[in-house]
Amino acid sequence: MSEGDIPVTHDGPVTHDGAGHRARLRQRLADGGSDALLDHELIEYLLALAIPRRDTKPLAKALLREFGGIGGLMSADWQSISRVPGMGDTSVAAIKIVQATALRLLRSDVAERPVLASWQALLDYLRADMAYLTIERVRVLHLNARNQLIRDEVMSEGSTDQAAIYTREVIKRAMDLGSSSLILVHNHPSGDPSPSRADIDITRSIVDAAKRLGISVHDHIIIGAQGHTSFRAQGLI
């Protein structure tokens, strides 16, 4: 198909404006909120704002198929999304800005209150950020004496089944920040949050080293698409 047949933008060919259909989606959204639209309709309307003269329903459905749902799509990296036919920089940016906004909102709930008193808010934030990643990410949450978050740091990122974390680095960073306690977090790209033997061993090493310095490790949380595991709840620390 030549550019002379159908106008082309960086985000794919322009086909029609779909004004009536989008007006109906908009009205349903206004009347019923986000629950009034199906997942593909949310993505369809979002993409319509970025590429307004294109029928974005097929593209929305293709994206959800490619990434296994809305969670996988939102957490996918820029390059992976842009490889889907029809996705250009403008439409990828629309998806990533929604993800960034959602994470900022969820993180604010964690930052504004003692973490141990807002545990579900913490899990919601971690799940949104990490559950659908295709590589392992290790992060450490540093808390003050009132259990308020003072730093949320990604310590390392690795492969599909491993990311390095070293006891010495975790403890040194805690001392540098004056942390009173820590929460360790990592994800399992497989989706299964069950801890491995290596997960248990490194956790106990960090707990022992931190205890000698008067630093508590409240928990180690493993995040996966199938749920989460708390080492504290499982009696592993």
C-alpha atoms as a PDB file:
ATOM      1  CA  MET A   1       0.000   0.000   0.000  1.00  0.00           C
ATOM      2  CA  SER A   2       1.431   3.369  -0.962  1.00  0.00           C
ATOM      3  CA  GLU A   3       1.280   6.584   1.017  1.00  0.00           C
ATOM      4  CA  GLY A   4      -0.820   7.937  -1.840  1.00  0.00           C
ATOM      5  CA  ASP A   5      -3.572   5.408  -1.090  1.00  0.00           C
ATOM      6  CA  ILE A   6      -3.975   6.045   2.641  1.00  0.00           C
ATOM      7  CA  PRO A   7      -2.308   8.903   4.544  1.00  0.00           C
ATOM      8  CA  VAL A   8       0.432   7.640   6.845  1.00  0.00           C
ATOM      9  CA  THR A   9       1.606   9.038  10.178  1.00  0.00           C
ATOM     10  CA  HIS A  10       4.422   7.864  12.417  1.00  0.00           C
ATOM     11  CA  ASP A  11       1.813   5.893  14.348  1.00  0.00           C
ATOM     12  CA  GLY A  12       0.388   4.046  11.347  1.00  0.00           C
ATOM     13  CA  PRO A  13      -2.080   4.684   8.551  1.00  0.00           C
ATOM     14  CA  VAL A  14      -4.982   7.045   9.024  1.00  0.00           C
ATOM     15  CA  THR A  15      -8.219   5.258   8.152  1.00  0.00           C
ATOM     16  CA  HIS A  16     -11.198   7.081   9.688  1.00  0.00           C
ATOM     17  CA  ASP A  17     -12.038   9.257  12.629  1.00  0.00           C
ATOM     18  CA  GLY A  18     -14.647   6.972  14.240  1.00  0.00           C
ATOM     19  CA  ALA A  19     -16.212  10.029  15.872  1.00  0.00           C
ATOM     20  CA  GLY A  20     -19.503   8.369  16.721  1.00  0.00           C
ATOM     21  CA  HIS A  21     -17.934   5.263  18.250  1.00  0.00           C
ATOM     22  CA  ARG A  22     -15.488   7.302  20.312  1.00  0.00           C
ATOM     23  CA  ALA A  23     -18.268   9.594  21.481  1.00  0.00           C
ATOM     24  CA  ARG A  24     -20.103   6.545  22.800  1.00  0.00           C
ATOM     25  CA  LEU A  25     -16.971   5.301  24.593  1.00  0.00           C
ATOM     26  CA  ARG A  26     -16.459   8.751  26.064  1.00  0.00           C
ATOM     27  CA  GLN A  27     -20.044   8.890  27.299  1.00  0.00           C
ATOM     28  CA  ARG A  28     -19.792   5.456  28.897  1.00  0.00           C
ATOM     29  CA  LEU A  29     -16.588   6.546  30.613  1.00  0.00           C
ATOM     30  CA  ALA A  30     -18.218   9.756  31.842  1.00  0.00           C
ATOM     31  CA  ASP A  31     -21.281   7.926  33.141  1.00  0.00           C
ATOM     32  CA  GLY A  32     -19.705   4.828  34.627  1.00  0.00           C
ATOM     33  CA  GLY A  33     -15.996   5.492  35.170  1.00  0.00           C
ATOM     34  CA  SER A  34     -13.222   3.080  34.236  1.00  0.00           C
ATOM     35  CA  ASP A  35     -15.345  -0.007  35.003  1.00  0.00           C
ATOM     36  CA  ALA A  36     -17.712   0.952  32.205  1.00  0.00           C
ATOM     37  CA  LEU A  37     -15.103   0.083  29.575  1.00  0.00           C
ATOM     38  CA  LEU A  38     -13.460  -3.231  28.784  1.00  0.00           C
ATOM     39  CA  ASP A  39      -9.666  -3.448  28.807  1.00  0.00           C
ATOM     40  CA  HIS A  40      -9.392  -3.223  25.038  1.00  0.00           C
ATOM     41  CA  GLU A  41     -11.747  -0.234  25.036  1.00  0.00           C
ATOM     42  CA  LEU A  42      -9.590   1.629  27.536  1.00  0.00           C
ATOM     43  CA  ILE A  43      -6.526   1.082  25.370  1.00  0.00           C
ATOM     44  CA  GLU A  44      -8.493   1.837  22.213  1.00  0.00           C
ATOM     45  CA  TYR A  45      -9.626   5.208  23.546  1.00  0.00           C
ATOM     46  CA  LEU A  46      -6.180   6.043  24.892  1.00  0.00           C
ATOM     47  CA  LEU A  47      -4.622   5.352  21.504  1.00  0.00           C
ATOM     48  CA  ALA A  48      -7.373   7.367  19.805  1.00  0.00           C
ATOM     49  CA  LEU A  49      -6.173  10.428  21.705  1.00  0.00           C
ATOM     50  CA  ALA A  50      -2.667   9.880  20.337  1.00  0.00           C
ATOM     51  CA  ILE A  51      -3.676   8.963  16.766  1.00  0.00           C
ATOM     52  CA  PRO A  52      -7.141  10.482  16.436  1.00  0.00           C
ATOM     53  CA  ARG A  53      -7.956   9.671  12.815  1.00  0.00           C
ATOM     54  CA  ARG A  54      -7.315   5.948  13.029  1.00  0.00           C
ATOM     55  CA  ASP A  55      -9.486   2.999  14.019  1.00  0.00           C
ATOM     56  CA  THR A  56      -7.522   1.938  17.100  1.00  0.00           C
ATOM     57  CA  LYS A  57      -9.627  -1.047  18.207  1.00  0.00           C
ATOM     58  CA  PRO A  58      -7.626  -3.665  16.231  1.00  0.00           C
ATOM     59  CA  LEU A  59      -4.363  -2.184  17.495  1.00  0.00           C
ATOM     60  CA  ALA A  60      -5.603  -2.187  21.101  1.00  0.00           C
ATOM     61  CA  LYS A  61      -6.584  -5.856  20.847  1.00  0.00           C
ATOM     62  CA  ALA A  62      -3.263  -6.728  19.217  1.00  0.00           C
ATOM     63  CA  LEU A  63      -1.345  -5.051  22.042  1.00  0.00           C
ATOM     64  CA  LEU A  64      -3.281  -6.900  24.733  1.00  0.00           C
ATOM     65  CA  ARG A  65      -2.690 -10.208  22.952  1.00  0.00           C
ATOM     66  CA  GLU A  66       1.003  -9.497  22.546  1.00  0.00           C
ATOM     67  CA  PHE A  67       1.596  -8.615  26.192  1.00  0.00           C
ATOM     68  CA  GLY A  68      -0.943 -10.884  27.852  1.00  0.00           C
ATOM     69  CA  GLY A  69      -3.252  -8.185  29.166  1.00  0.00           C
ATOM     70  CA  ILE A  70      -3.301  -4.619  30.347  1.00  0.00           C
ATOM     71  CA  GLY A  71      -0.787  -5.172  33.152  1.00  0.00           C
ATOM     72  CA  GLY A  72       1.791  -6.667  30.829  1.00  0.00           C
ATOM     73  CA  LEU A  73       1.249  -3.913  28.287  1.00  0.00           C
ATOM     74  CA  MET A  74       1.671  -1.087  30.778  1.00  0.00           C
ATOM     75  CA  SER A  75       4.879  -2.525  32.236  1.00  0.00           C
ATOM     76  CA  ALA A  76       6.441  -3.474  28.888  1.00  0.00           C
ATOM     77  CA  ASP A  77       9.437  -1.401  27.861  1.00  0.00           C
ATOM     78  CA  TRP A  78       9.308   1.248  25.155  1.00  0.00           C
ATOM     79  CA  GLN A  79      11.216  -0.820  22.589  1.00  0.00           C
ATOM     80  CA  SER A  80       8.993  -3.876  22.974  1.00  0.00           C
ATOM     81  CA  ILE A  81       5.798  -1.876  22.517  1.00  0.00           C
ATOM     82  CA  SER A  82       7.192   0.012  19.549  1.00  0.00           C
ATOM     83  CA  ARG A  83       7.873  -3.270  17.746  1.00  0.00           C
ATOM     84  CA  VAL A  84       4.148  -3.965  17.480  1.00  0.00           C
ATOM     85  CA  PRO A  85       3.051  -2.962  13.950  1.00  0.00           C
ATOM     86  CA  GLY A  86       1.211   0.351  13.996  1.00  0.00           C
ATOM     87  CA  MET A  87       2.846   1.678  17.188  1.00  0.00           C
ATOM     88  CA  GLY A  88       4.937   4.810  16.831  1.00  0.00           C
ATOM     89  CA  ASP A  89       6.539   7.134  19.354  1.00  0.00           C
ATOM     90  CA  THR A  90       3.365   9.114  20.042  1.00  0.00           C
ATOM     91  CA  SER A  91       1.222   6.097  20.824  1.00  0.00           C
ATOM     92  CA  VAL A  92       3.955   4.389  22.881  1.00  0.00           C
ATOM     93  CA  ALA A  93       4.381   7.615  24.851  1.00  0.00           C
ATOM     94  CA  ALA A  94       0.637   7.656  25.597  1.00  0.00           C
ATOM     95  CA  ILE A  95       0.881   4.212  27.182  1.00  0.00           C
ATOM     96  CA  LYS A  96       4.033   4.969  29.134  1.00  0.00           C
ATOM     97  CA  ILE A  97       2.687   8.261  30.513  1.00  0.00           C
ATOM     98  CA  VAL A  98      -0.362   6.423  31.840  1.00  0.00           C
ATOM     99  CA  GLN A  99       1.912   3.877  33.511  1.00  0.00           C
ATOM    100  CA  ALA A 100       4.107   6.606  35.003  1.00  0.00           C
ATOM    101  CA  THR A 101       1.075   8.459  36.337  1.00  0.00           C
ATOM    102  CA  ALA A 102      -0.409   5.310  37.873  1.00  0.00           C
ATOM    103  CA  LEU A 103       2.884   4.417  39.577  1.00  0.00           C
ATOM    104  CA  ARG A 104       3.277   7.967  40.880  1.00  0.00           C
ATOM    105  CA  LEU A 105      -0.210   7.826  42.368  1.00  0.00           C
ATOM    106  CA  LEU A 106       0.322   4.425  43.968  1.00  0.00           C
ATOM    107  CA  ARG A 107       3.725   5.403  45.296  1.00  0.00           C
ATOM    108  CA  SER A 108       2.313   8.548  46.927  1.00  0.00           C
ATOM    109  CA  ASP A 109       0.018   6.363  49.051  1.00  0.00           C
ATOM    110  CA  VAL A 110       3.084   4.491  50.284  1.00  0.00           C
ATOM    111  CA  ALA A 111       5.255   7.558  50.875  1.00  0.00           C
ATOM    112  CA  GLU A 112       2.702   9.541  52.858  1.00  0.00           C
ATOM    113  CA  ARG A 113       2.017   6.992  55.608  1.00  0.00           C
ATOM    114  CA  PRO A 114       3.999   4.511  57.706  1.00  0.00           C
ATOM    115  CA  VAL A 115       4.617   1.571  55.404  1.00  0.00           C
ATOM    116  CA  LEU A 116       3.573  -1.092  57.879  1.00  0.00           C
ATOM    117  CA  ALA A 117       0.227   0.675  58.325  1.00  0.00           C
ATOM    118  CA  SER A 118      -0.390   0.841  54.576  1.00  0.00           C
ATOM    119  CA  TRP A 119       0.708  -2.643  53.572  1.00  0.00           C
ATOM    120  CA  GLN A 120      -1.923  -3.138  50.881  1.00  0.00           C
ATOM    121  CA  ALA A 121      -0.957   0.168  49.276  1.00  0.00           C
ATOM    122  CA  LEU A 122       2.642  -1.046  49.174  1.00  0.00           C
ATOM    123  CA  LEU A 123       1.643  -4.342  47.551  1.00  0.00           C
ATOM    124  CA  ASP A 124      -0.493  -2.515  44.987  1.00  0.00           C
ATOM    125  CA  TYR A 125       2.446  -0.286  44.067  1.00  0.00           C
ATOM    126  CA  LEU A 126       4.930  -3.145  43.816  1.00  0.00           C
ATOM    127  CA  ARG A 127       2.559  -5.277  41.777  1.00  0.00           C
ATOM    128  CA  ALA A 128       1.899  -2.448  39.315  1.00  0.00           C
ATOM    129  CA  ASP A 129       5.604  -1.810  38.901  1.00  0.00           C
ATOM    130  CA  MET A 130       7.070  -5.315  38.919  1.00  0.00           C
ATOM    131  CA  ALA A 131       4.537  -8.110  38.410  1.00  0.00           C
ATOM    132  CA  TYR A 132       4.786  -8.226  34.622  1.00  0.00           C
ATOM    133  CA  LEU A 133       8.448  -7.429  34.086  1.00  0.00           C
ATOM    134  CA  THR A 134      10.269  -9.839  31.794  1.00  0.00           C
ATOM    135  CA  ILE A 135      13.525  -9.557  33.773  1.00  0.00           C
ATOM    136  CA  GLU A 136      14.246  -9.846  37.483  1.00  0.00           C
ATOM    137  CA  ARG A 137      14.483  -6.589  39.412  1.00  0.00           C
ATOM    138  CA  VAL A 138      15.680  -6.278  43.006  1.00  0.00           C
ATOM    139  CA  ARG A 139      14.736  -3.250  45.044  1.00  0.00           C
ATOM    140  CA  VAL A 140      15.224  -2.242  48.665  1.00  0.00           C
ATOM    141  CA  LEU A 141      12.837  -0.014  50.587  1.00  0.00           C
ATOM    142  CA  HIS A 142      14.623   1.975  53.288  1.00  0.00           C
ATOM    143  CA  LEU A 143      12.543   3.081  56.280  1.00  0.00           C
ATOM    144  CA  ASN A 144      13.183   5.472  59.140  1.00  0.00           C
ATOM    145  CA  ALA A 145      12.463   4.879  62.825  1.00  0.00           C
ATOM    146  CA  ARG A 146       8.772   5.684  62.250  1.00  0.00           C
ATOM    147  CA  ASN A 147       8.594   3.130  59.420  1.00  0.00           C
ATOM    148  CA  GLN A 148       8.194   5.850  56.821  1.00  0.00           C
ATOM    149  CA  LEU A 149       9.767   5.376  53.424  1.00  0.00           C
ATOM    150  CA  ILE A 150      12.960   7.372  53.018  1.00  0.00           C
ATOM    151  CA  ARG A 151      14.273   5.722  49.850  1.00  0.00           C
ATOM    152  CA  ASP A 152      12.992   3.239  47.288  1.00  0.00           C
ATOM    153  CA  GLU A 153      15.948   1.978  45.291  1.00  0.00           C
ATOM    154  CA  VAL A 154      16.433  -0.524  42.504  1.00  0.00           C
ATOM    155  CA  MET A 155      19.581  -2.406  43.463  1.00  0.00           C
ATOM    156  CA  SER A 156      19.967  -4.503  40.346  1.00  0.00           C
ATOM    157  CA  GLU A 157      18.292  -5.855  37.231  1.00  0.00           C
ATOM    158  CA  GLY A 158      19.210  -9.112  35.577  1.00  0.00           C
ATOM    159  CA  SER A 159      17.961 -11.877  33.320  1.00  0.00           C
ATOM    160  CA  THR A 160      14.656 -13.668  33.084  1.00  0.00           C
ATOM    161  CA  ASP A 161      15.493 -15.775  36.128  1.00  0.00           C
ATOM    162  CA  GLN A 162      18.213 -14.041  38.122  1.00  0.00           C
ATOM    163  CA  ALA A 163      19.332 -10.658  39.393  1.00  0.00           C
ATOM    164  CA  ALA A 164      22.318 -10.231  41.670  1.00  0.00           C
ATOM    165  CA  ILE A 165      21.957  -8.883  45.193  1.00  0.00           C
ATOM    166  CA  TYR A 166      24.866  -8.700  47.616  1.00  0.00           C
ATOM    167  CA  THR A 167      24.614  -8.500  51.384  1.00  0.00           C
ATOM    168  CA  ARG A 168      27.516  -6.059  51.648  1.00  0.00           C
ATOM    169  CA  GLU A 169      25.942  -3.603  49.175  1.00  0.00           C
ATOM    170  CA  VAL A 170      22.539  -3.680  50.872  1.00  0.00           C
ATOM    171  CA  ILE A 171      24.013  -3.095  54.331  1.00  0.00           C
ATOM    172  CA  LYS A 172      26.404  -0.373  53.169  1.00  0.00           C
ATOM    173  CA  ARG A 173      23.561   1.518  51.508  1.00  0.00           C
ATOM    174  CA  ALA A 174      21.419   1.193  54.627  1.00  0.00           C
ATOM    175  CA  MET A 175      24.225   2.667  56.723  1.00  0.00           C
ATOM    176  CA  ASP A 176      24.756   5.501  54.241  1.00  0.00           C
ATOM    177  CA  LEU A 177      21.074   6.426  54.432  1.00  0.00           C
ATOM    178  CA  GLY A 178      20.726   5.910  58.167  1.00  0.00           C
ATOM    179  CA  SER A 179      17.974   3.350  57.613  1.00  0.00           C
ATOM    180  CA  SER A 180      16.312   1.900  60.689  1.00  0.00           C
ATOM    181  CA  SER A 181      14.721  -0.957  58.773  1.00  0.00           C
ATOM    182  CA  LEU A 182      14.446  -2.490  55.327  1.00  0.00           C
ATOM    183  CA  ILE A 183      11.988  -4.287  53.101  1.00  0.00           C
ATOM    184  CA  LEU A 184      13.542  -6.408  50.363  1.00  0.00           C
ATOM    185  CA  VAL A 185      11.602  -6.907  47.146  1.00  0.00           C
ATOM    186  CA  HIS A 186      12.158  -8.760  43.904  1.00  0.00           C
ATOM    187  CA  ASN A 187      10.008 -10.182  41.136  1.00  0.00           C
ATOM    188  CA  HIS A 188       9.802 -13.536  39.397  1.00  0.00           C
ATOM    189  CA  PRO A 189       9.196 -13.087  35.647  1.00  0.00           C
ATOM    190  CA  SER A 190       7.846 -16.655  35.533  1.00  0.00           C
ATOM    191  CA  GLY A 191       4.816 -15.359  37.424  1.00  0.00           C
ATOM    192  CA  ASP A 192       5.259 -17.843  40.303  1.00  0.00           C
ATOM    193  CA  PRO A 193       6.217 -15.943  43.484  1.00  0.00           C
ATOM    194  CA  SER A 194       7.448 -19.034  45.340  1.00  0.00           C
ATOM    195  CA  PRO A 195      10.900 -18.427  46.899  1.00  0.00           C
ATOM    196  CA  SER A 196      13.904 -20.392  45.688  1.00  0.00           C
ATOM    197  CA  ARG A 197      16.617 -21.782  47.946  1.00  0.00           C
ATOM    198  CA  ALA A 198      18.887 -18.949  46.794  1.00  0.00           C
ATOM    199  CA  ASP A 199      16.172 -16.397  47.696  1.00  0.00           C
ATOM    200  CA  ILE A 200      15.952 -17.812  51.216  1.00  0.00           C
ATOM    201  CA  ASP A 201      19.722 -17.980  51.710  1.00  0.00           C
ATOM    202  CA  ILE A 202      20.455 -14.392  50.633  1.00  0.00           C
ATOM    203  CA  THR A 203      17.553 -13.105  52.712  1.00  0.00           C
ATOM    204  CA  ARG A 204      18.859 -14.760  55.851  1.00  0.00           C
ATOM    205  CA  SER A 205      22.350 -13.448  55.130  1.00  0.00           C
ATOM    206  CA  ILE A 206      21.040  -9.885  54.888  1.00  0.00           C
ATOM    207  CA  VAL A 207      18.852 -10.303  57.995  1.00  0.00           C
ATOM    208  CA  ASP A 208      21.821 -11.546  60.041  1.00  0.00           C
ATOM    209  CA  ALA A 209      24.161  -8.798  58.857  1.00  0.00           C
ATOM    210  CA  ALA A 210      21.559  -6.077  59.409  1.00  0.00           C
ATOM    211  CA  LYS A 211      20.712  -7.344  62.898  1.00  0.00           C
ATOM    212  CA  ARG A 212      24.321  -6.928  64.028  1.00  0.00           C
ATOM    213  CA  LEU A 213      24.025  -3.230  63.170  1.00  0.00           C
ATOM    214  CA  GLY A 214      20.617  -2.723  64.786  1.00  0.00           C
ATOM    215  CA  ILE A 215      18.785  -2.622  61.433  1.00  0.00           C
ATOM    216  CA  SER A 216      15.586  -4.632  61.084  1.00  0.00           C
ATOM    217  CA  VAL A 217      14.463  -6.436  57.946  1.00  0.00           C
ATOM    218  CA  HIS A 218      10.689  -6.342  58.093  1.00  0.00           C
ATOM    219  CA  ASP A 219      10.104  -8.593  55.124  1.00  0.00           C
ATOM    220  CA  HIS A 220      11.211  -9.893  51.773  1.00  0.00           C
ATOM    221  CA  ILE A 221       8.414  -9.776  49.227  1.00  0.00           C
ATOM    222  CA  ILE A 222       8.459 -11.694  45.950  1.00  0.00           C
ATOM    223  CA  ILE A 223       6.124 -10.289  43.307  1.00  0.00           C
ATOM    224  CA  GLY A 224       4.765 -12.317  40.402  1.00  0.00           C
ATOM    225  CA  ALA A 225       1.860 -12.154  37.995  1.00  0.00           C
ATOM    226  CA  GLN A 226       0.239 -14.954  40.009  1.00  0.00           C
ATOM    227  CA  GLY A 227       0.451 -13.086  43.303  1.00  0.00           C
ATOM    228  CA  HIS A 228       3.063 -12.403  45.962  1.00  0.00           C
ATOM    229  CA  THR A 229       4.930 -14.173  48.746  1.00  0.00           C
ATOM    230  CA  SER A 230       5.844 -12.580  52.077  1.00  0.00           C
ATOM    231  CA  PHE A 231       8.818 -14.191  53.804  1.00  0.00           C
ATOM    232  CA  ARG A 232       7.516 -12.872  57.131  1.00  0.00           C
ATOM    233  CA  ALA A 233       4.092 -14.431  56.605  1.00  0.00           C
ATOM    234  CA  GLN A 234       5.684 -17.721  55.543  1.00  0.00           C
ATOM    235  CA  GLY A 235       7.888 -17.822  58.658  1.00  0.00           C
ATOM    236  CA  LEU A 236      11.075 -17.644  56.568  1.00  0.00           C
ATOM    237  CA  ILE A 237      12.505 -14.704  58.546  1.00  0.00           C
END
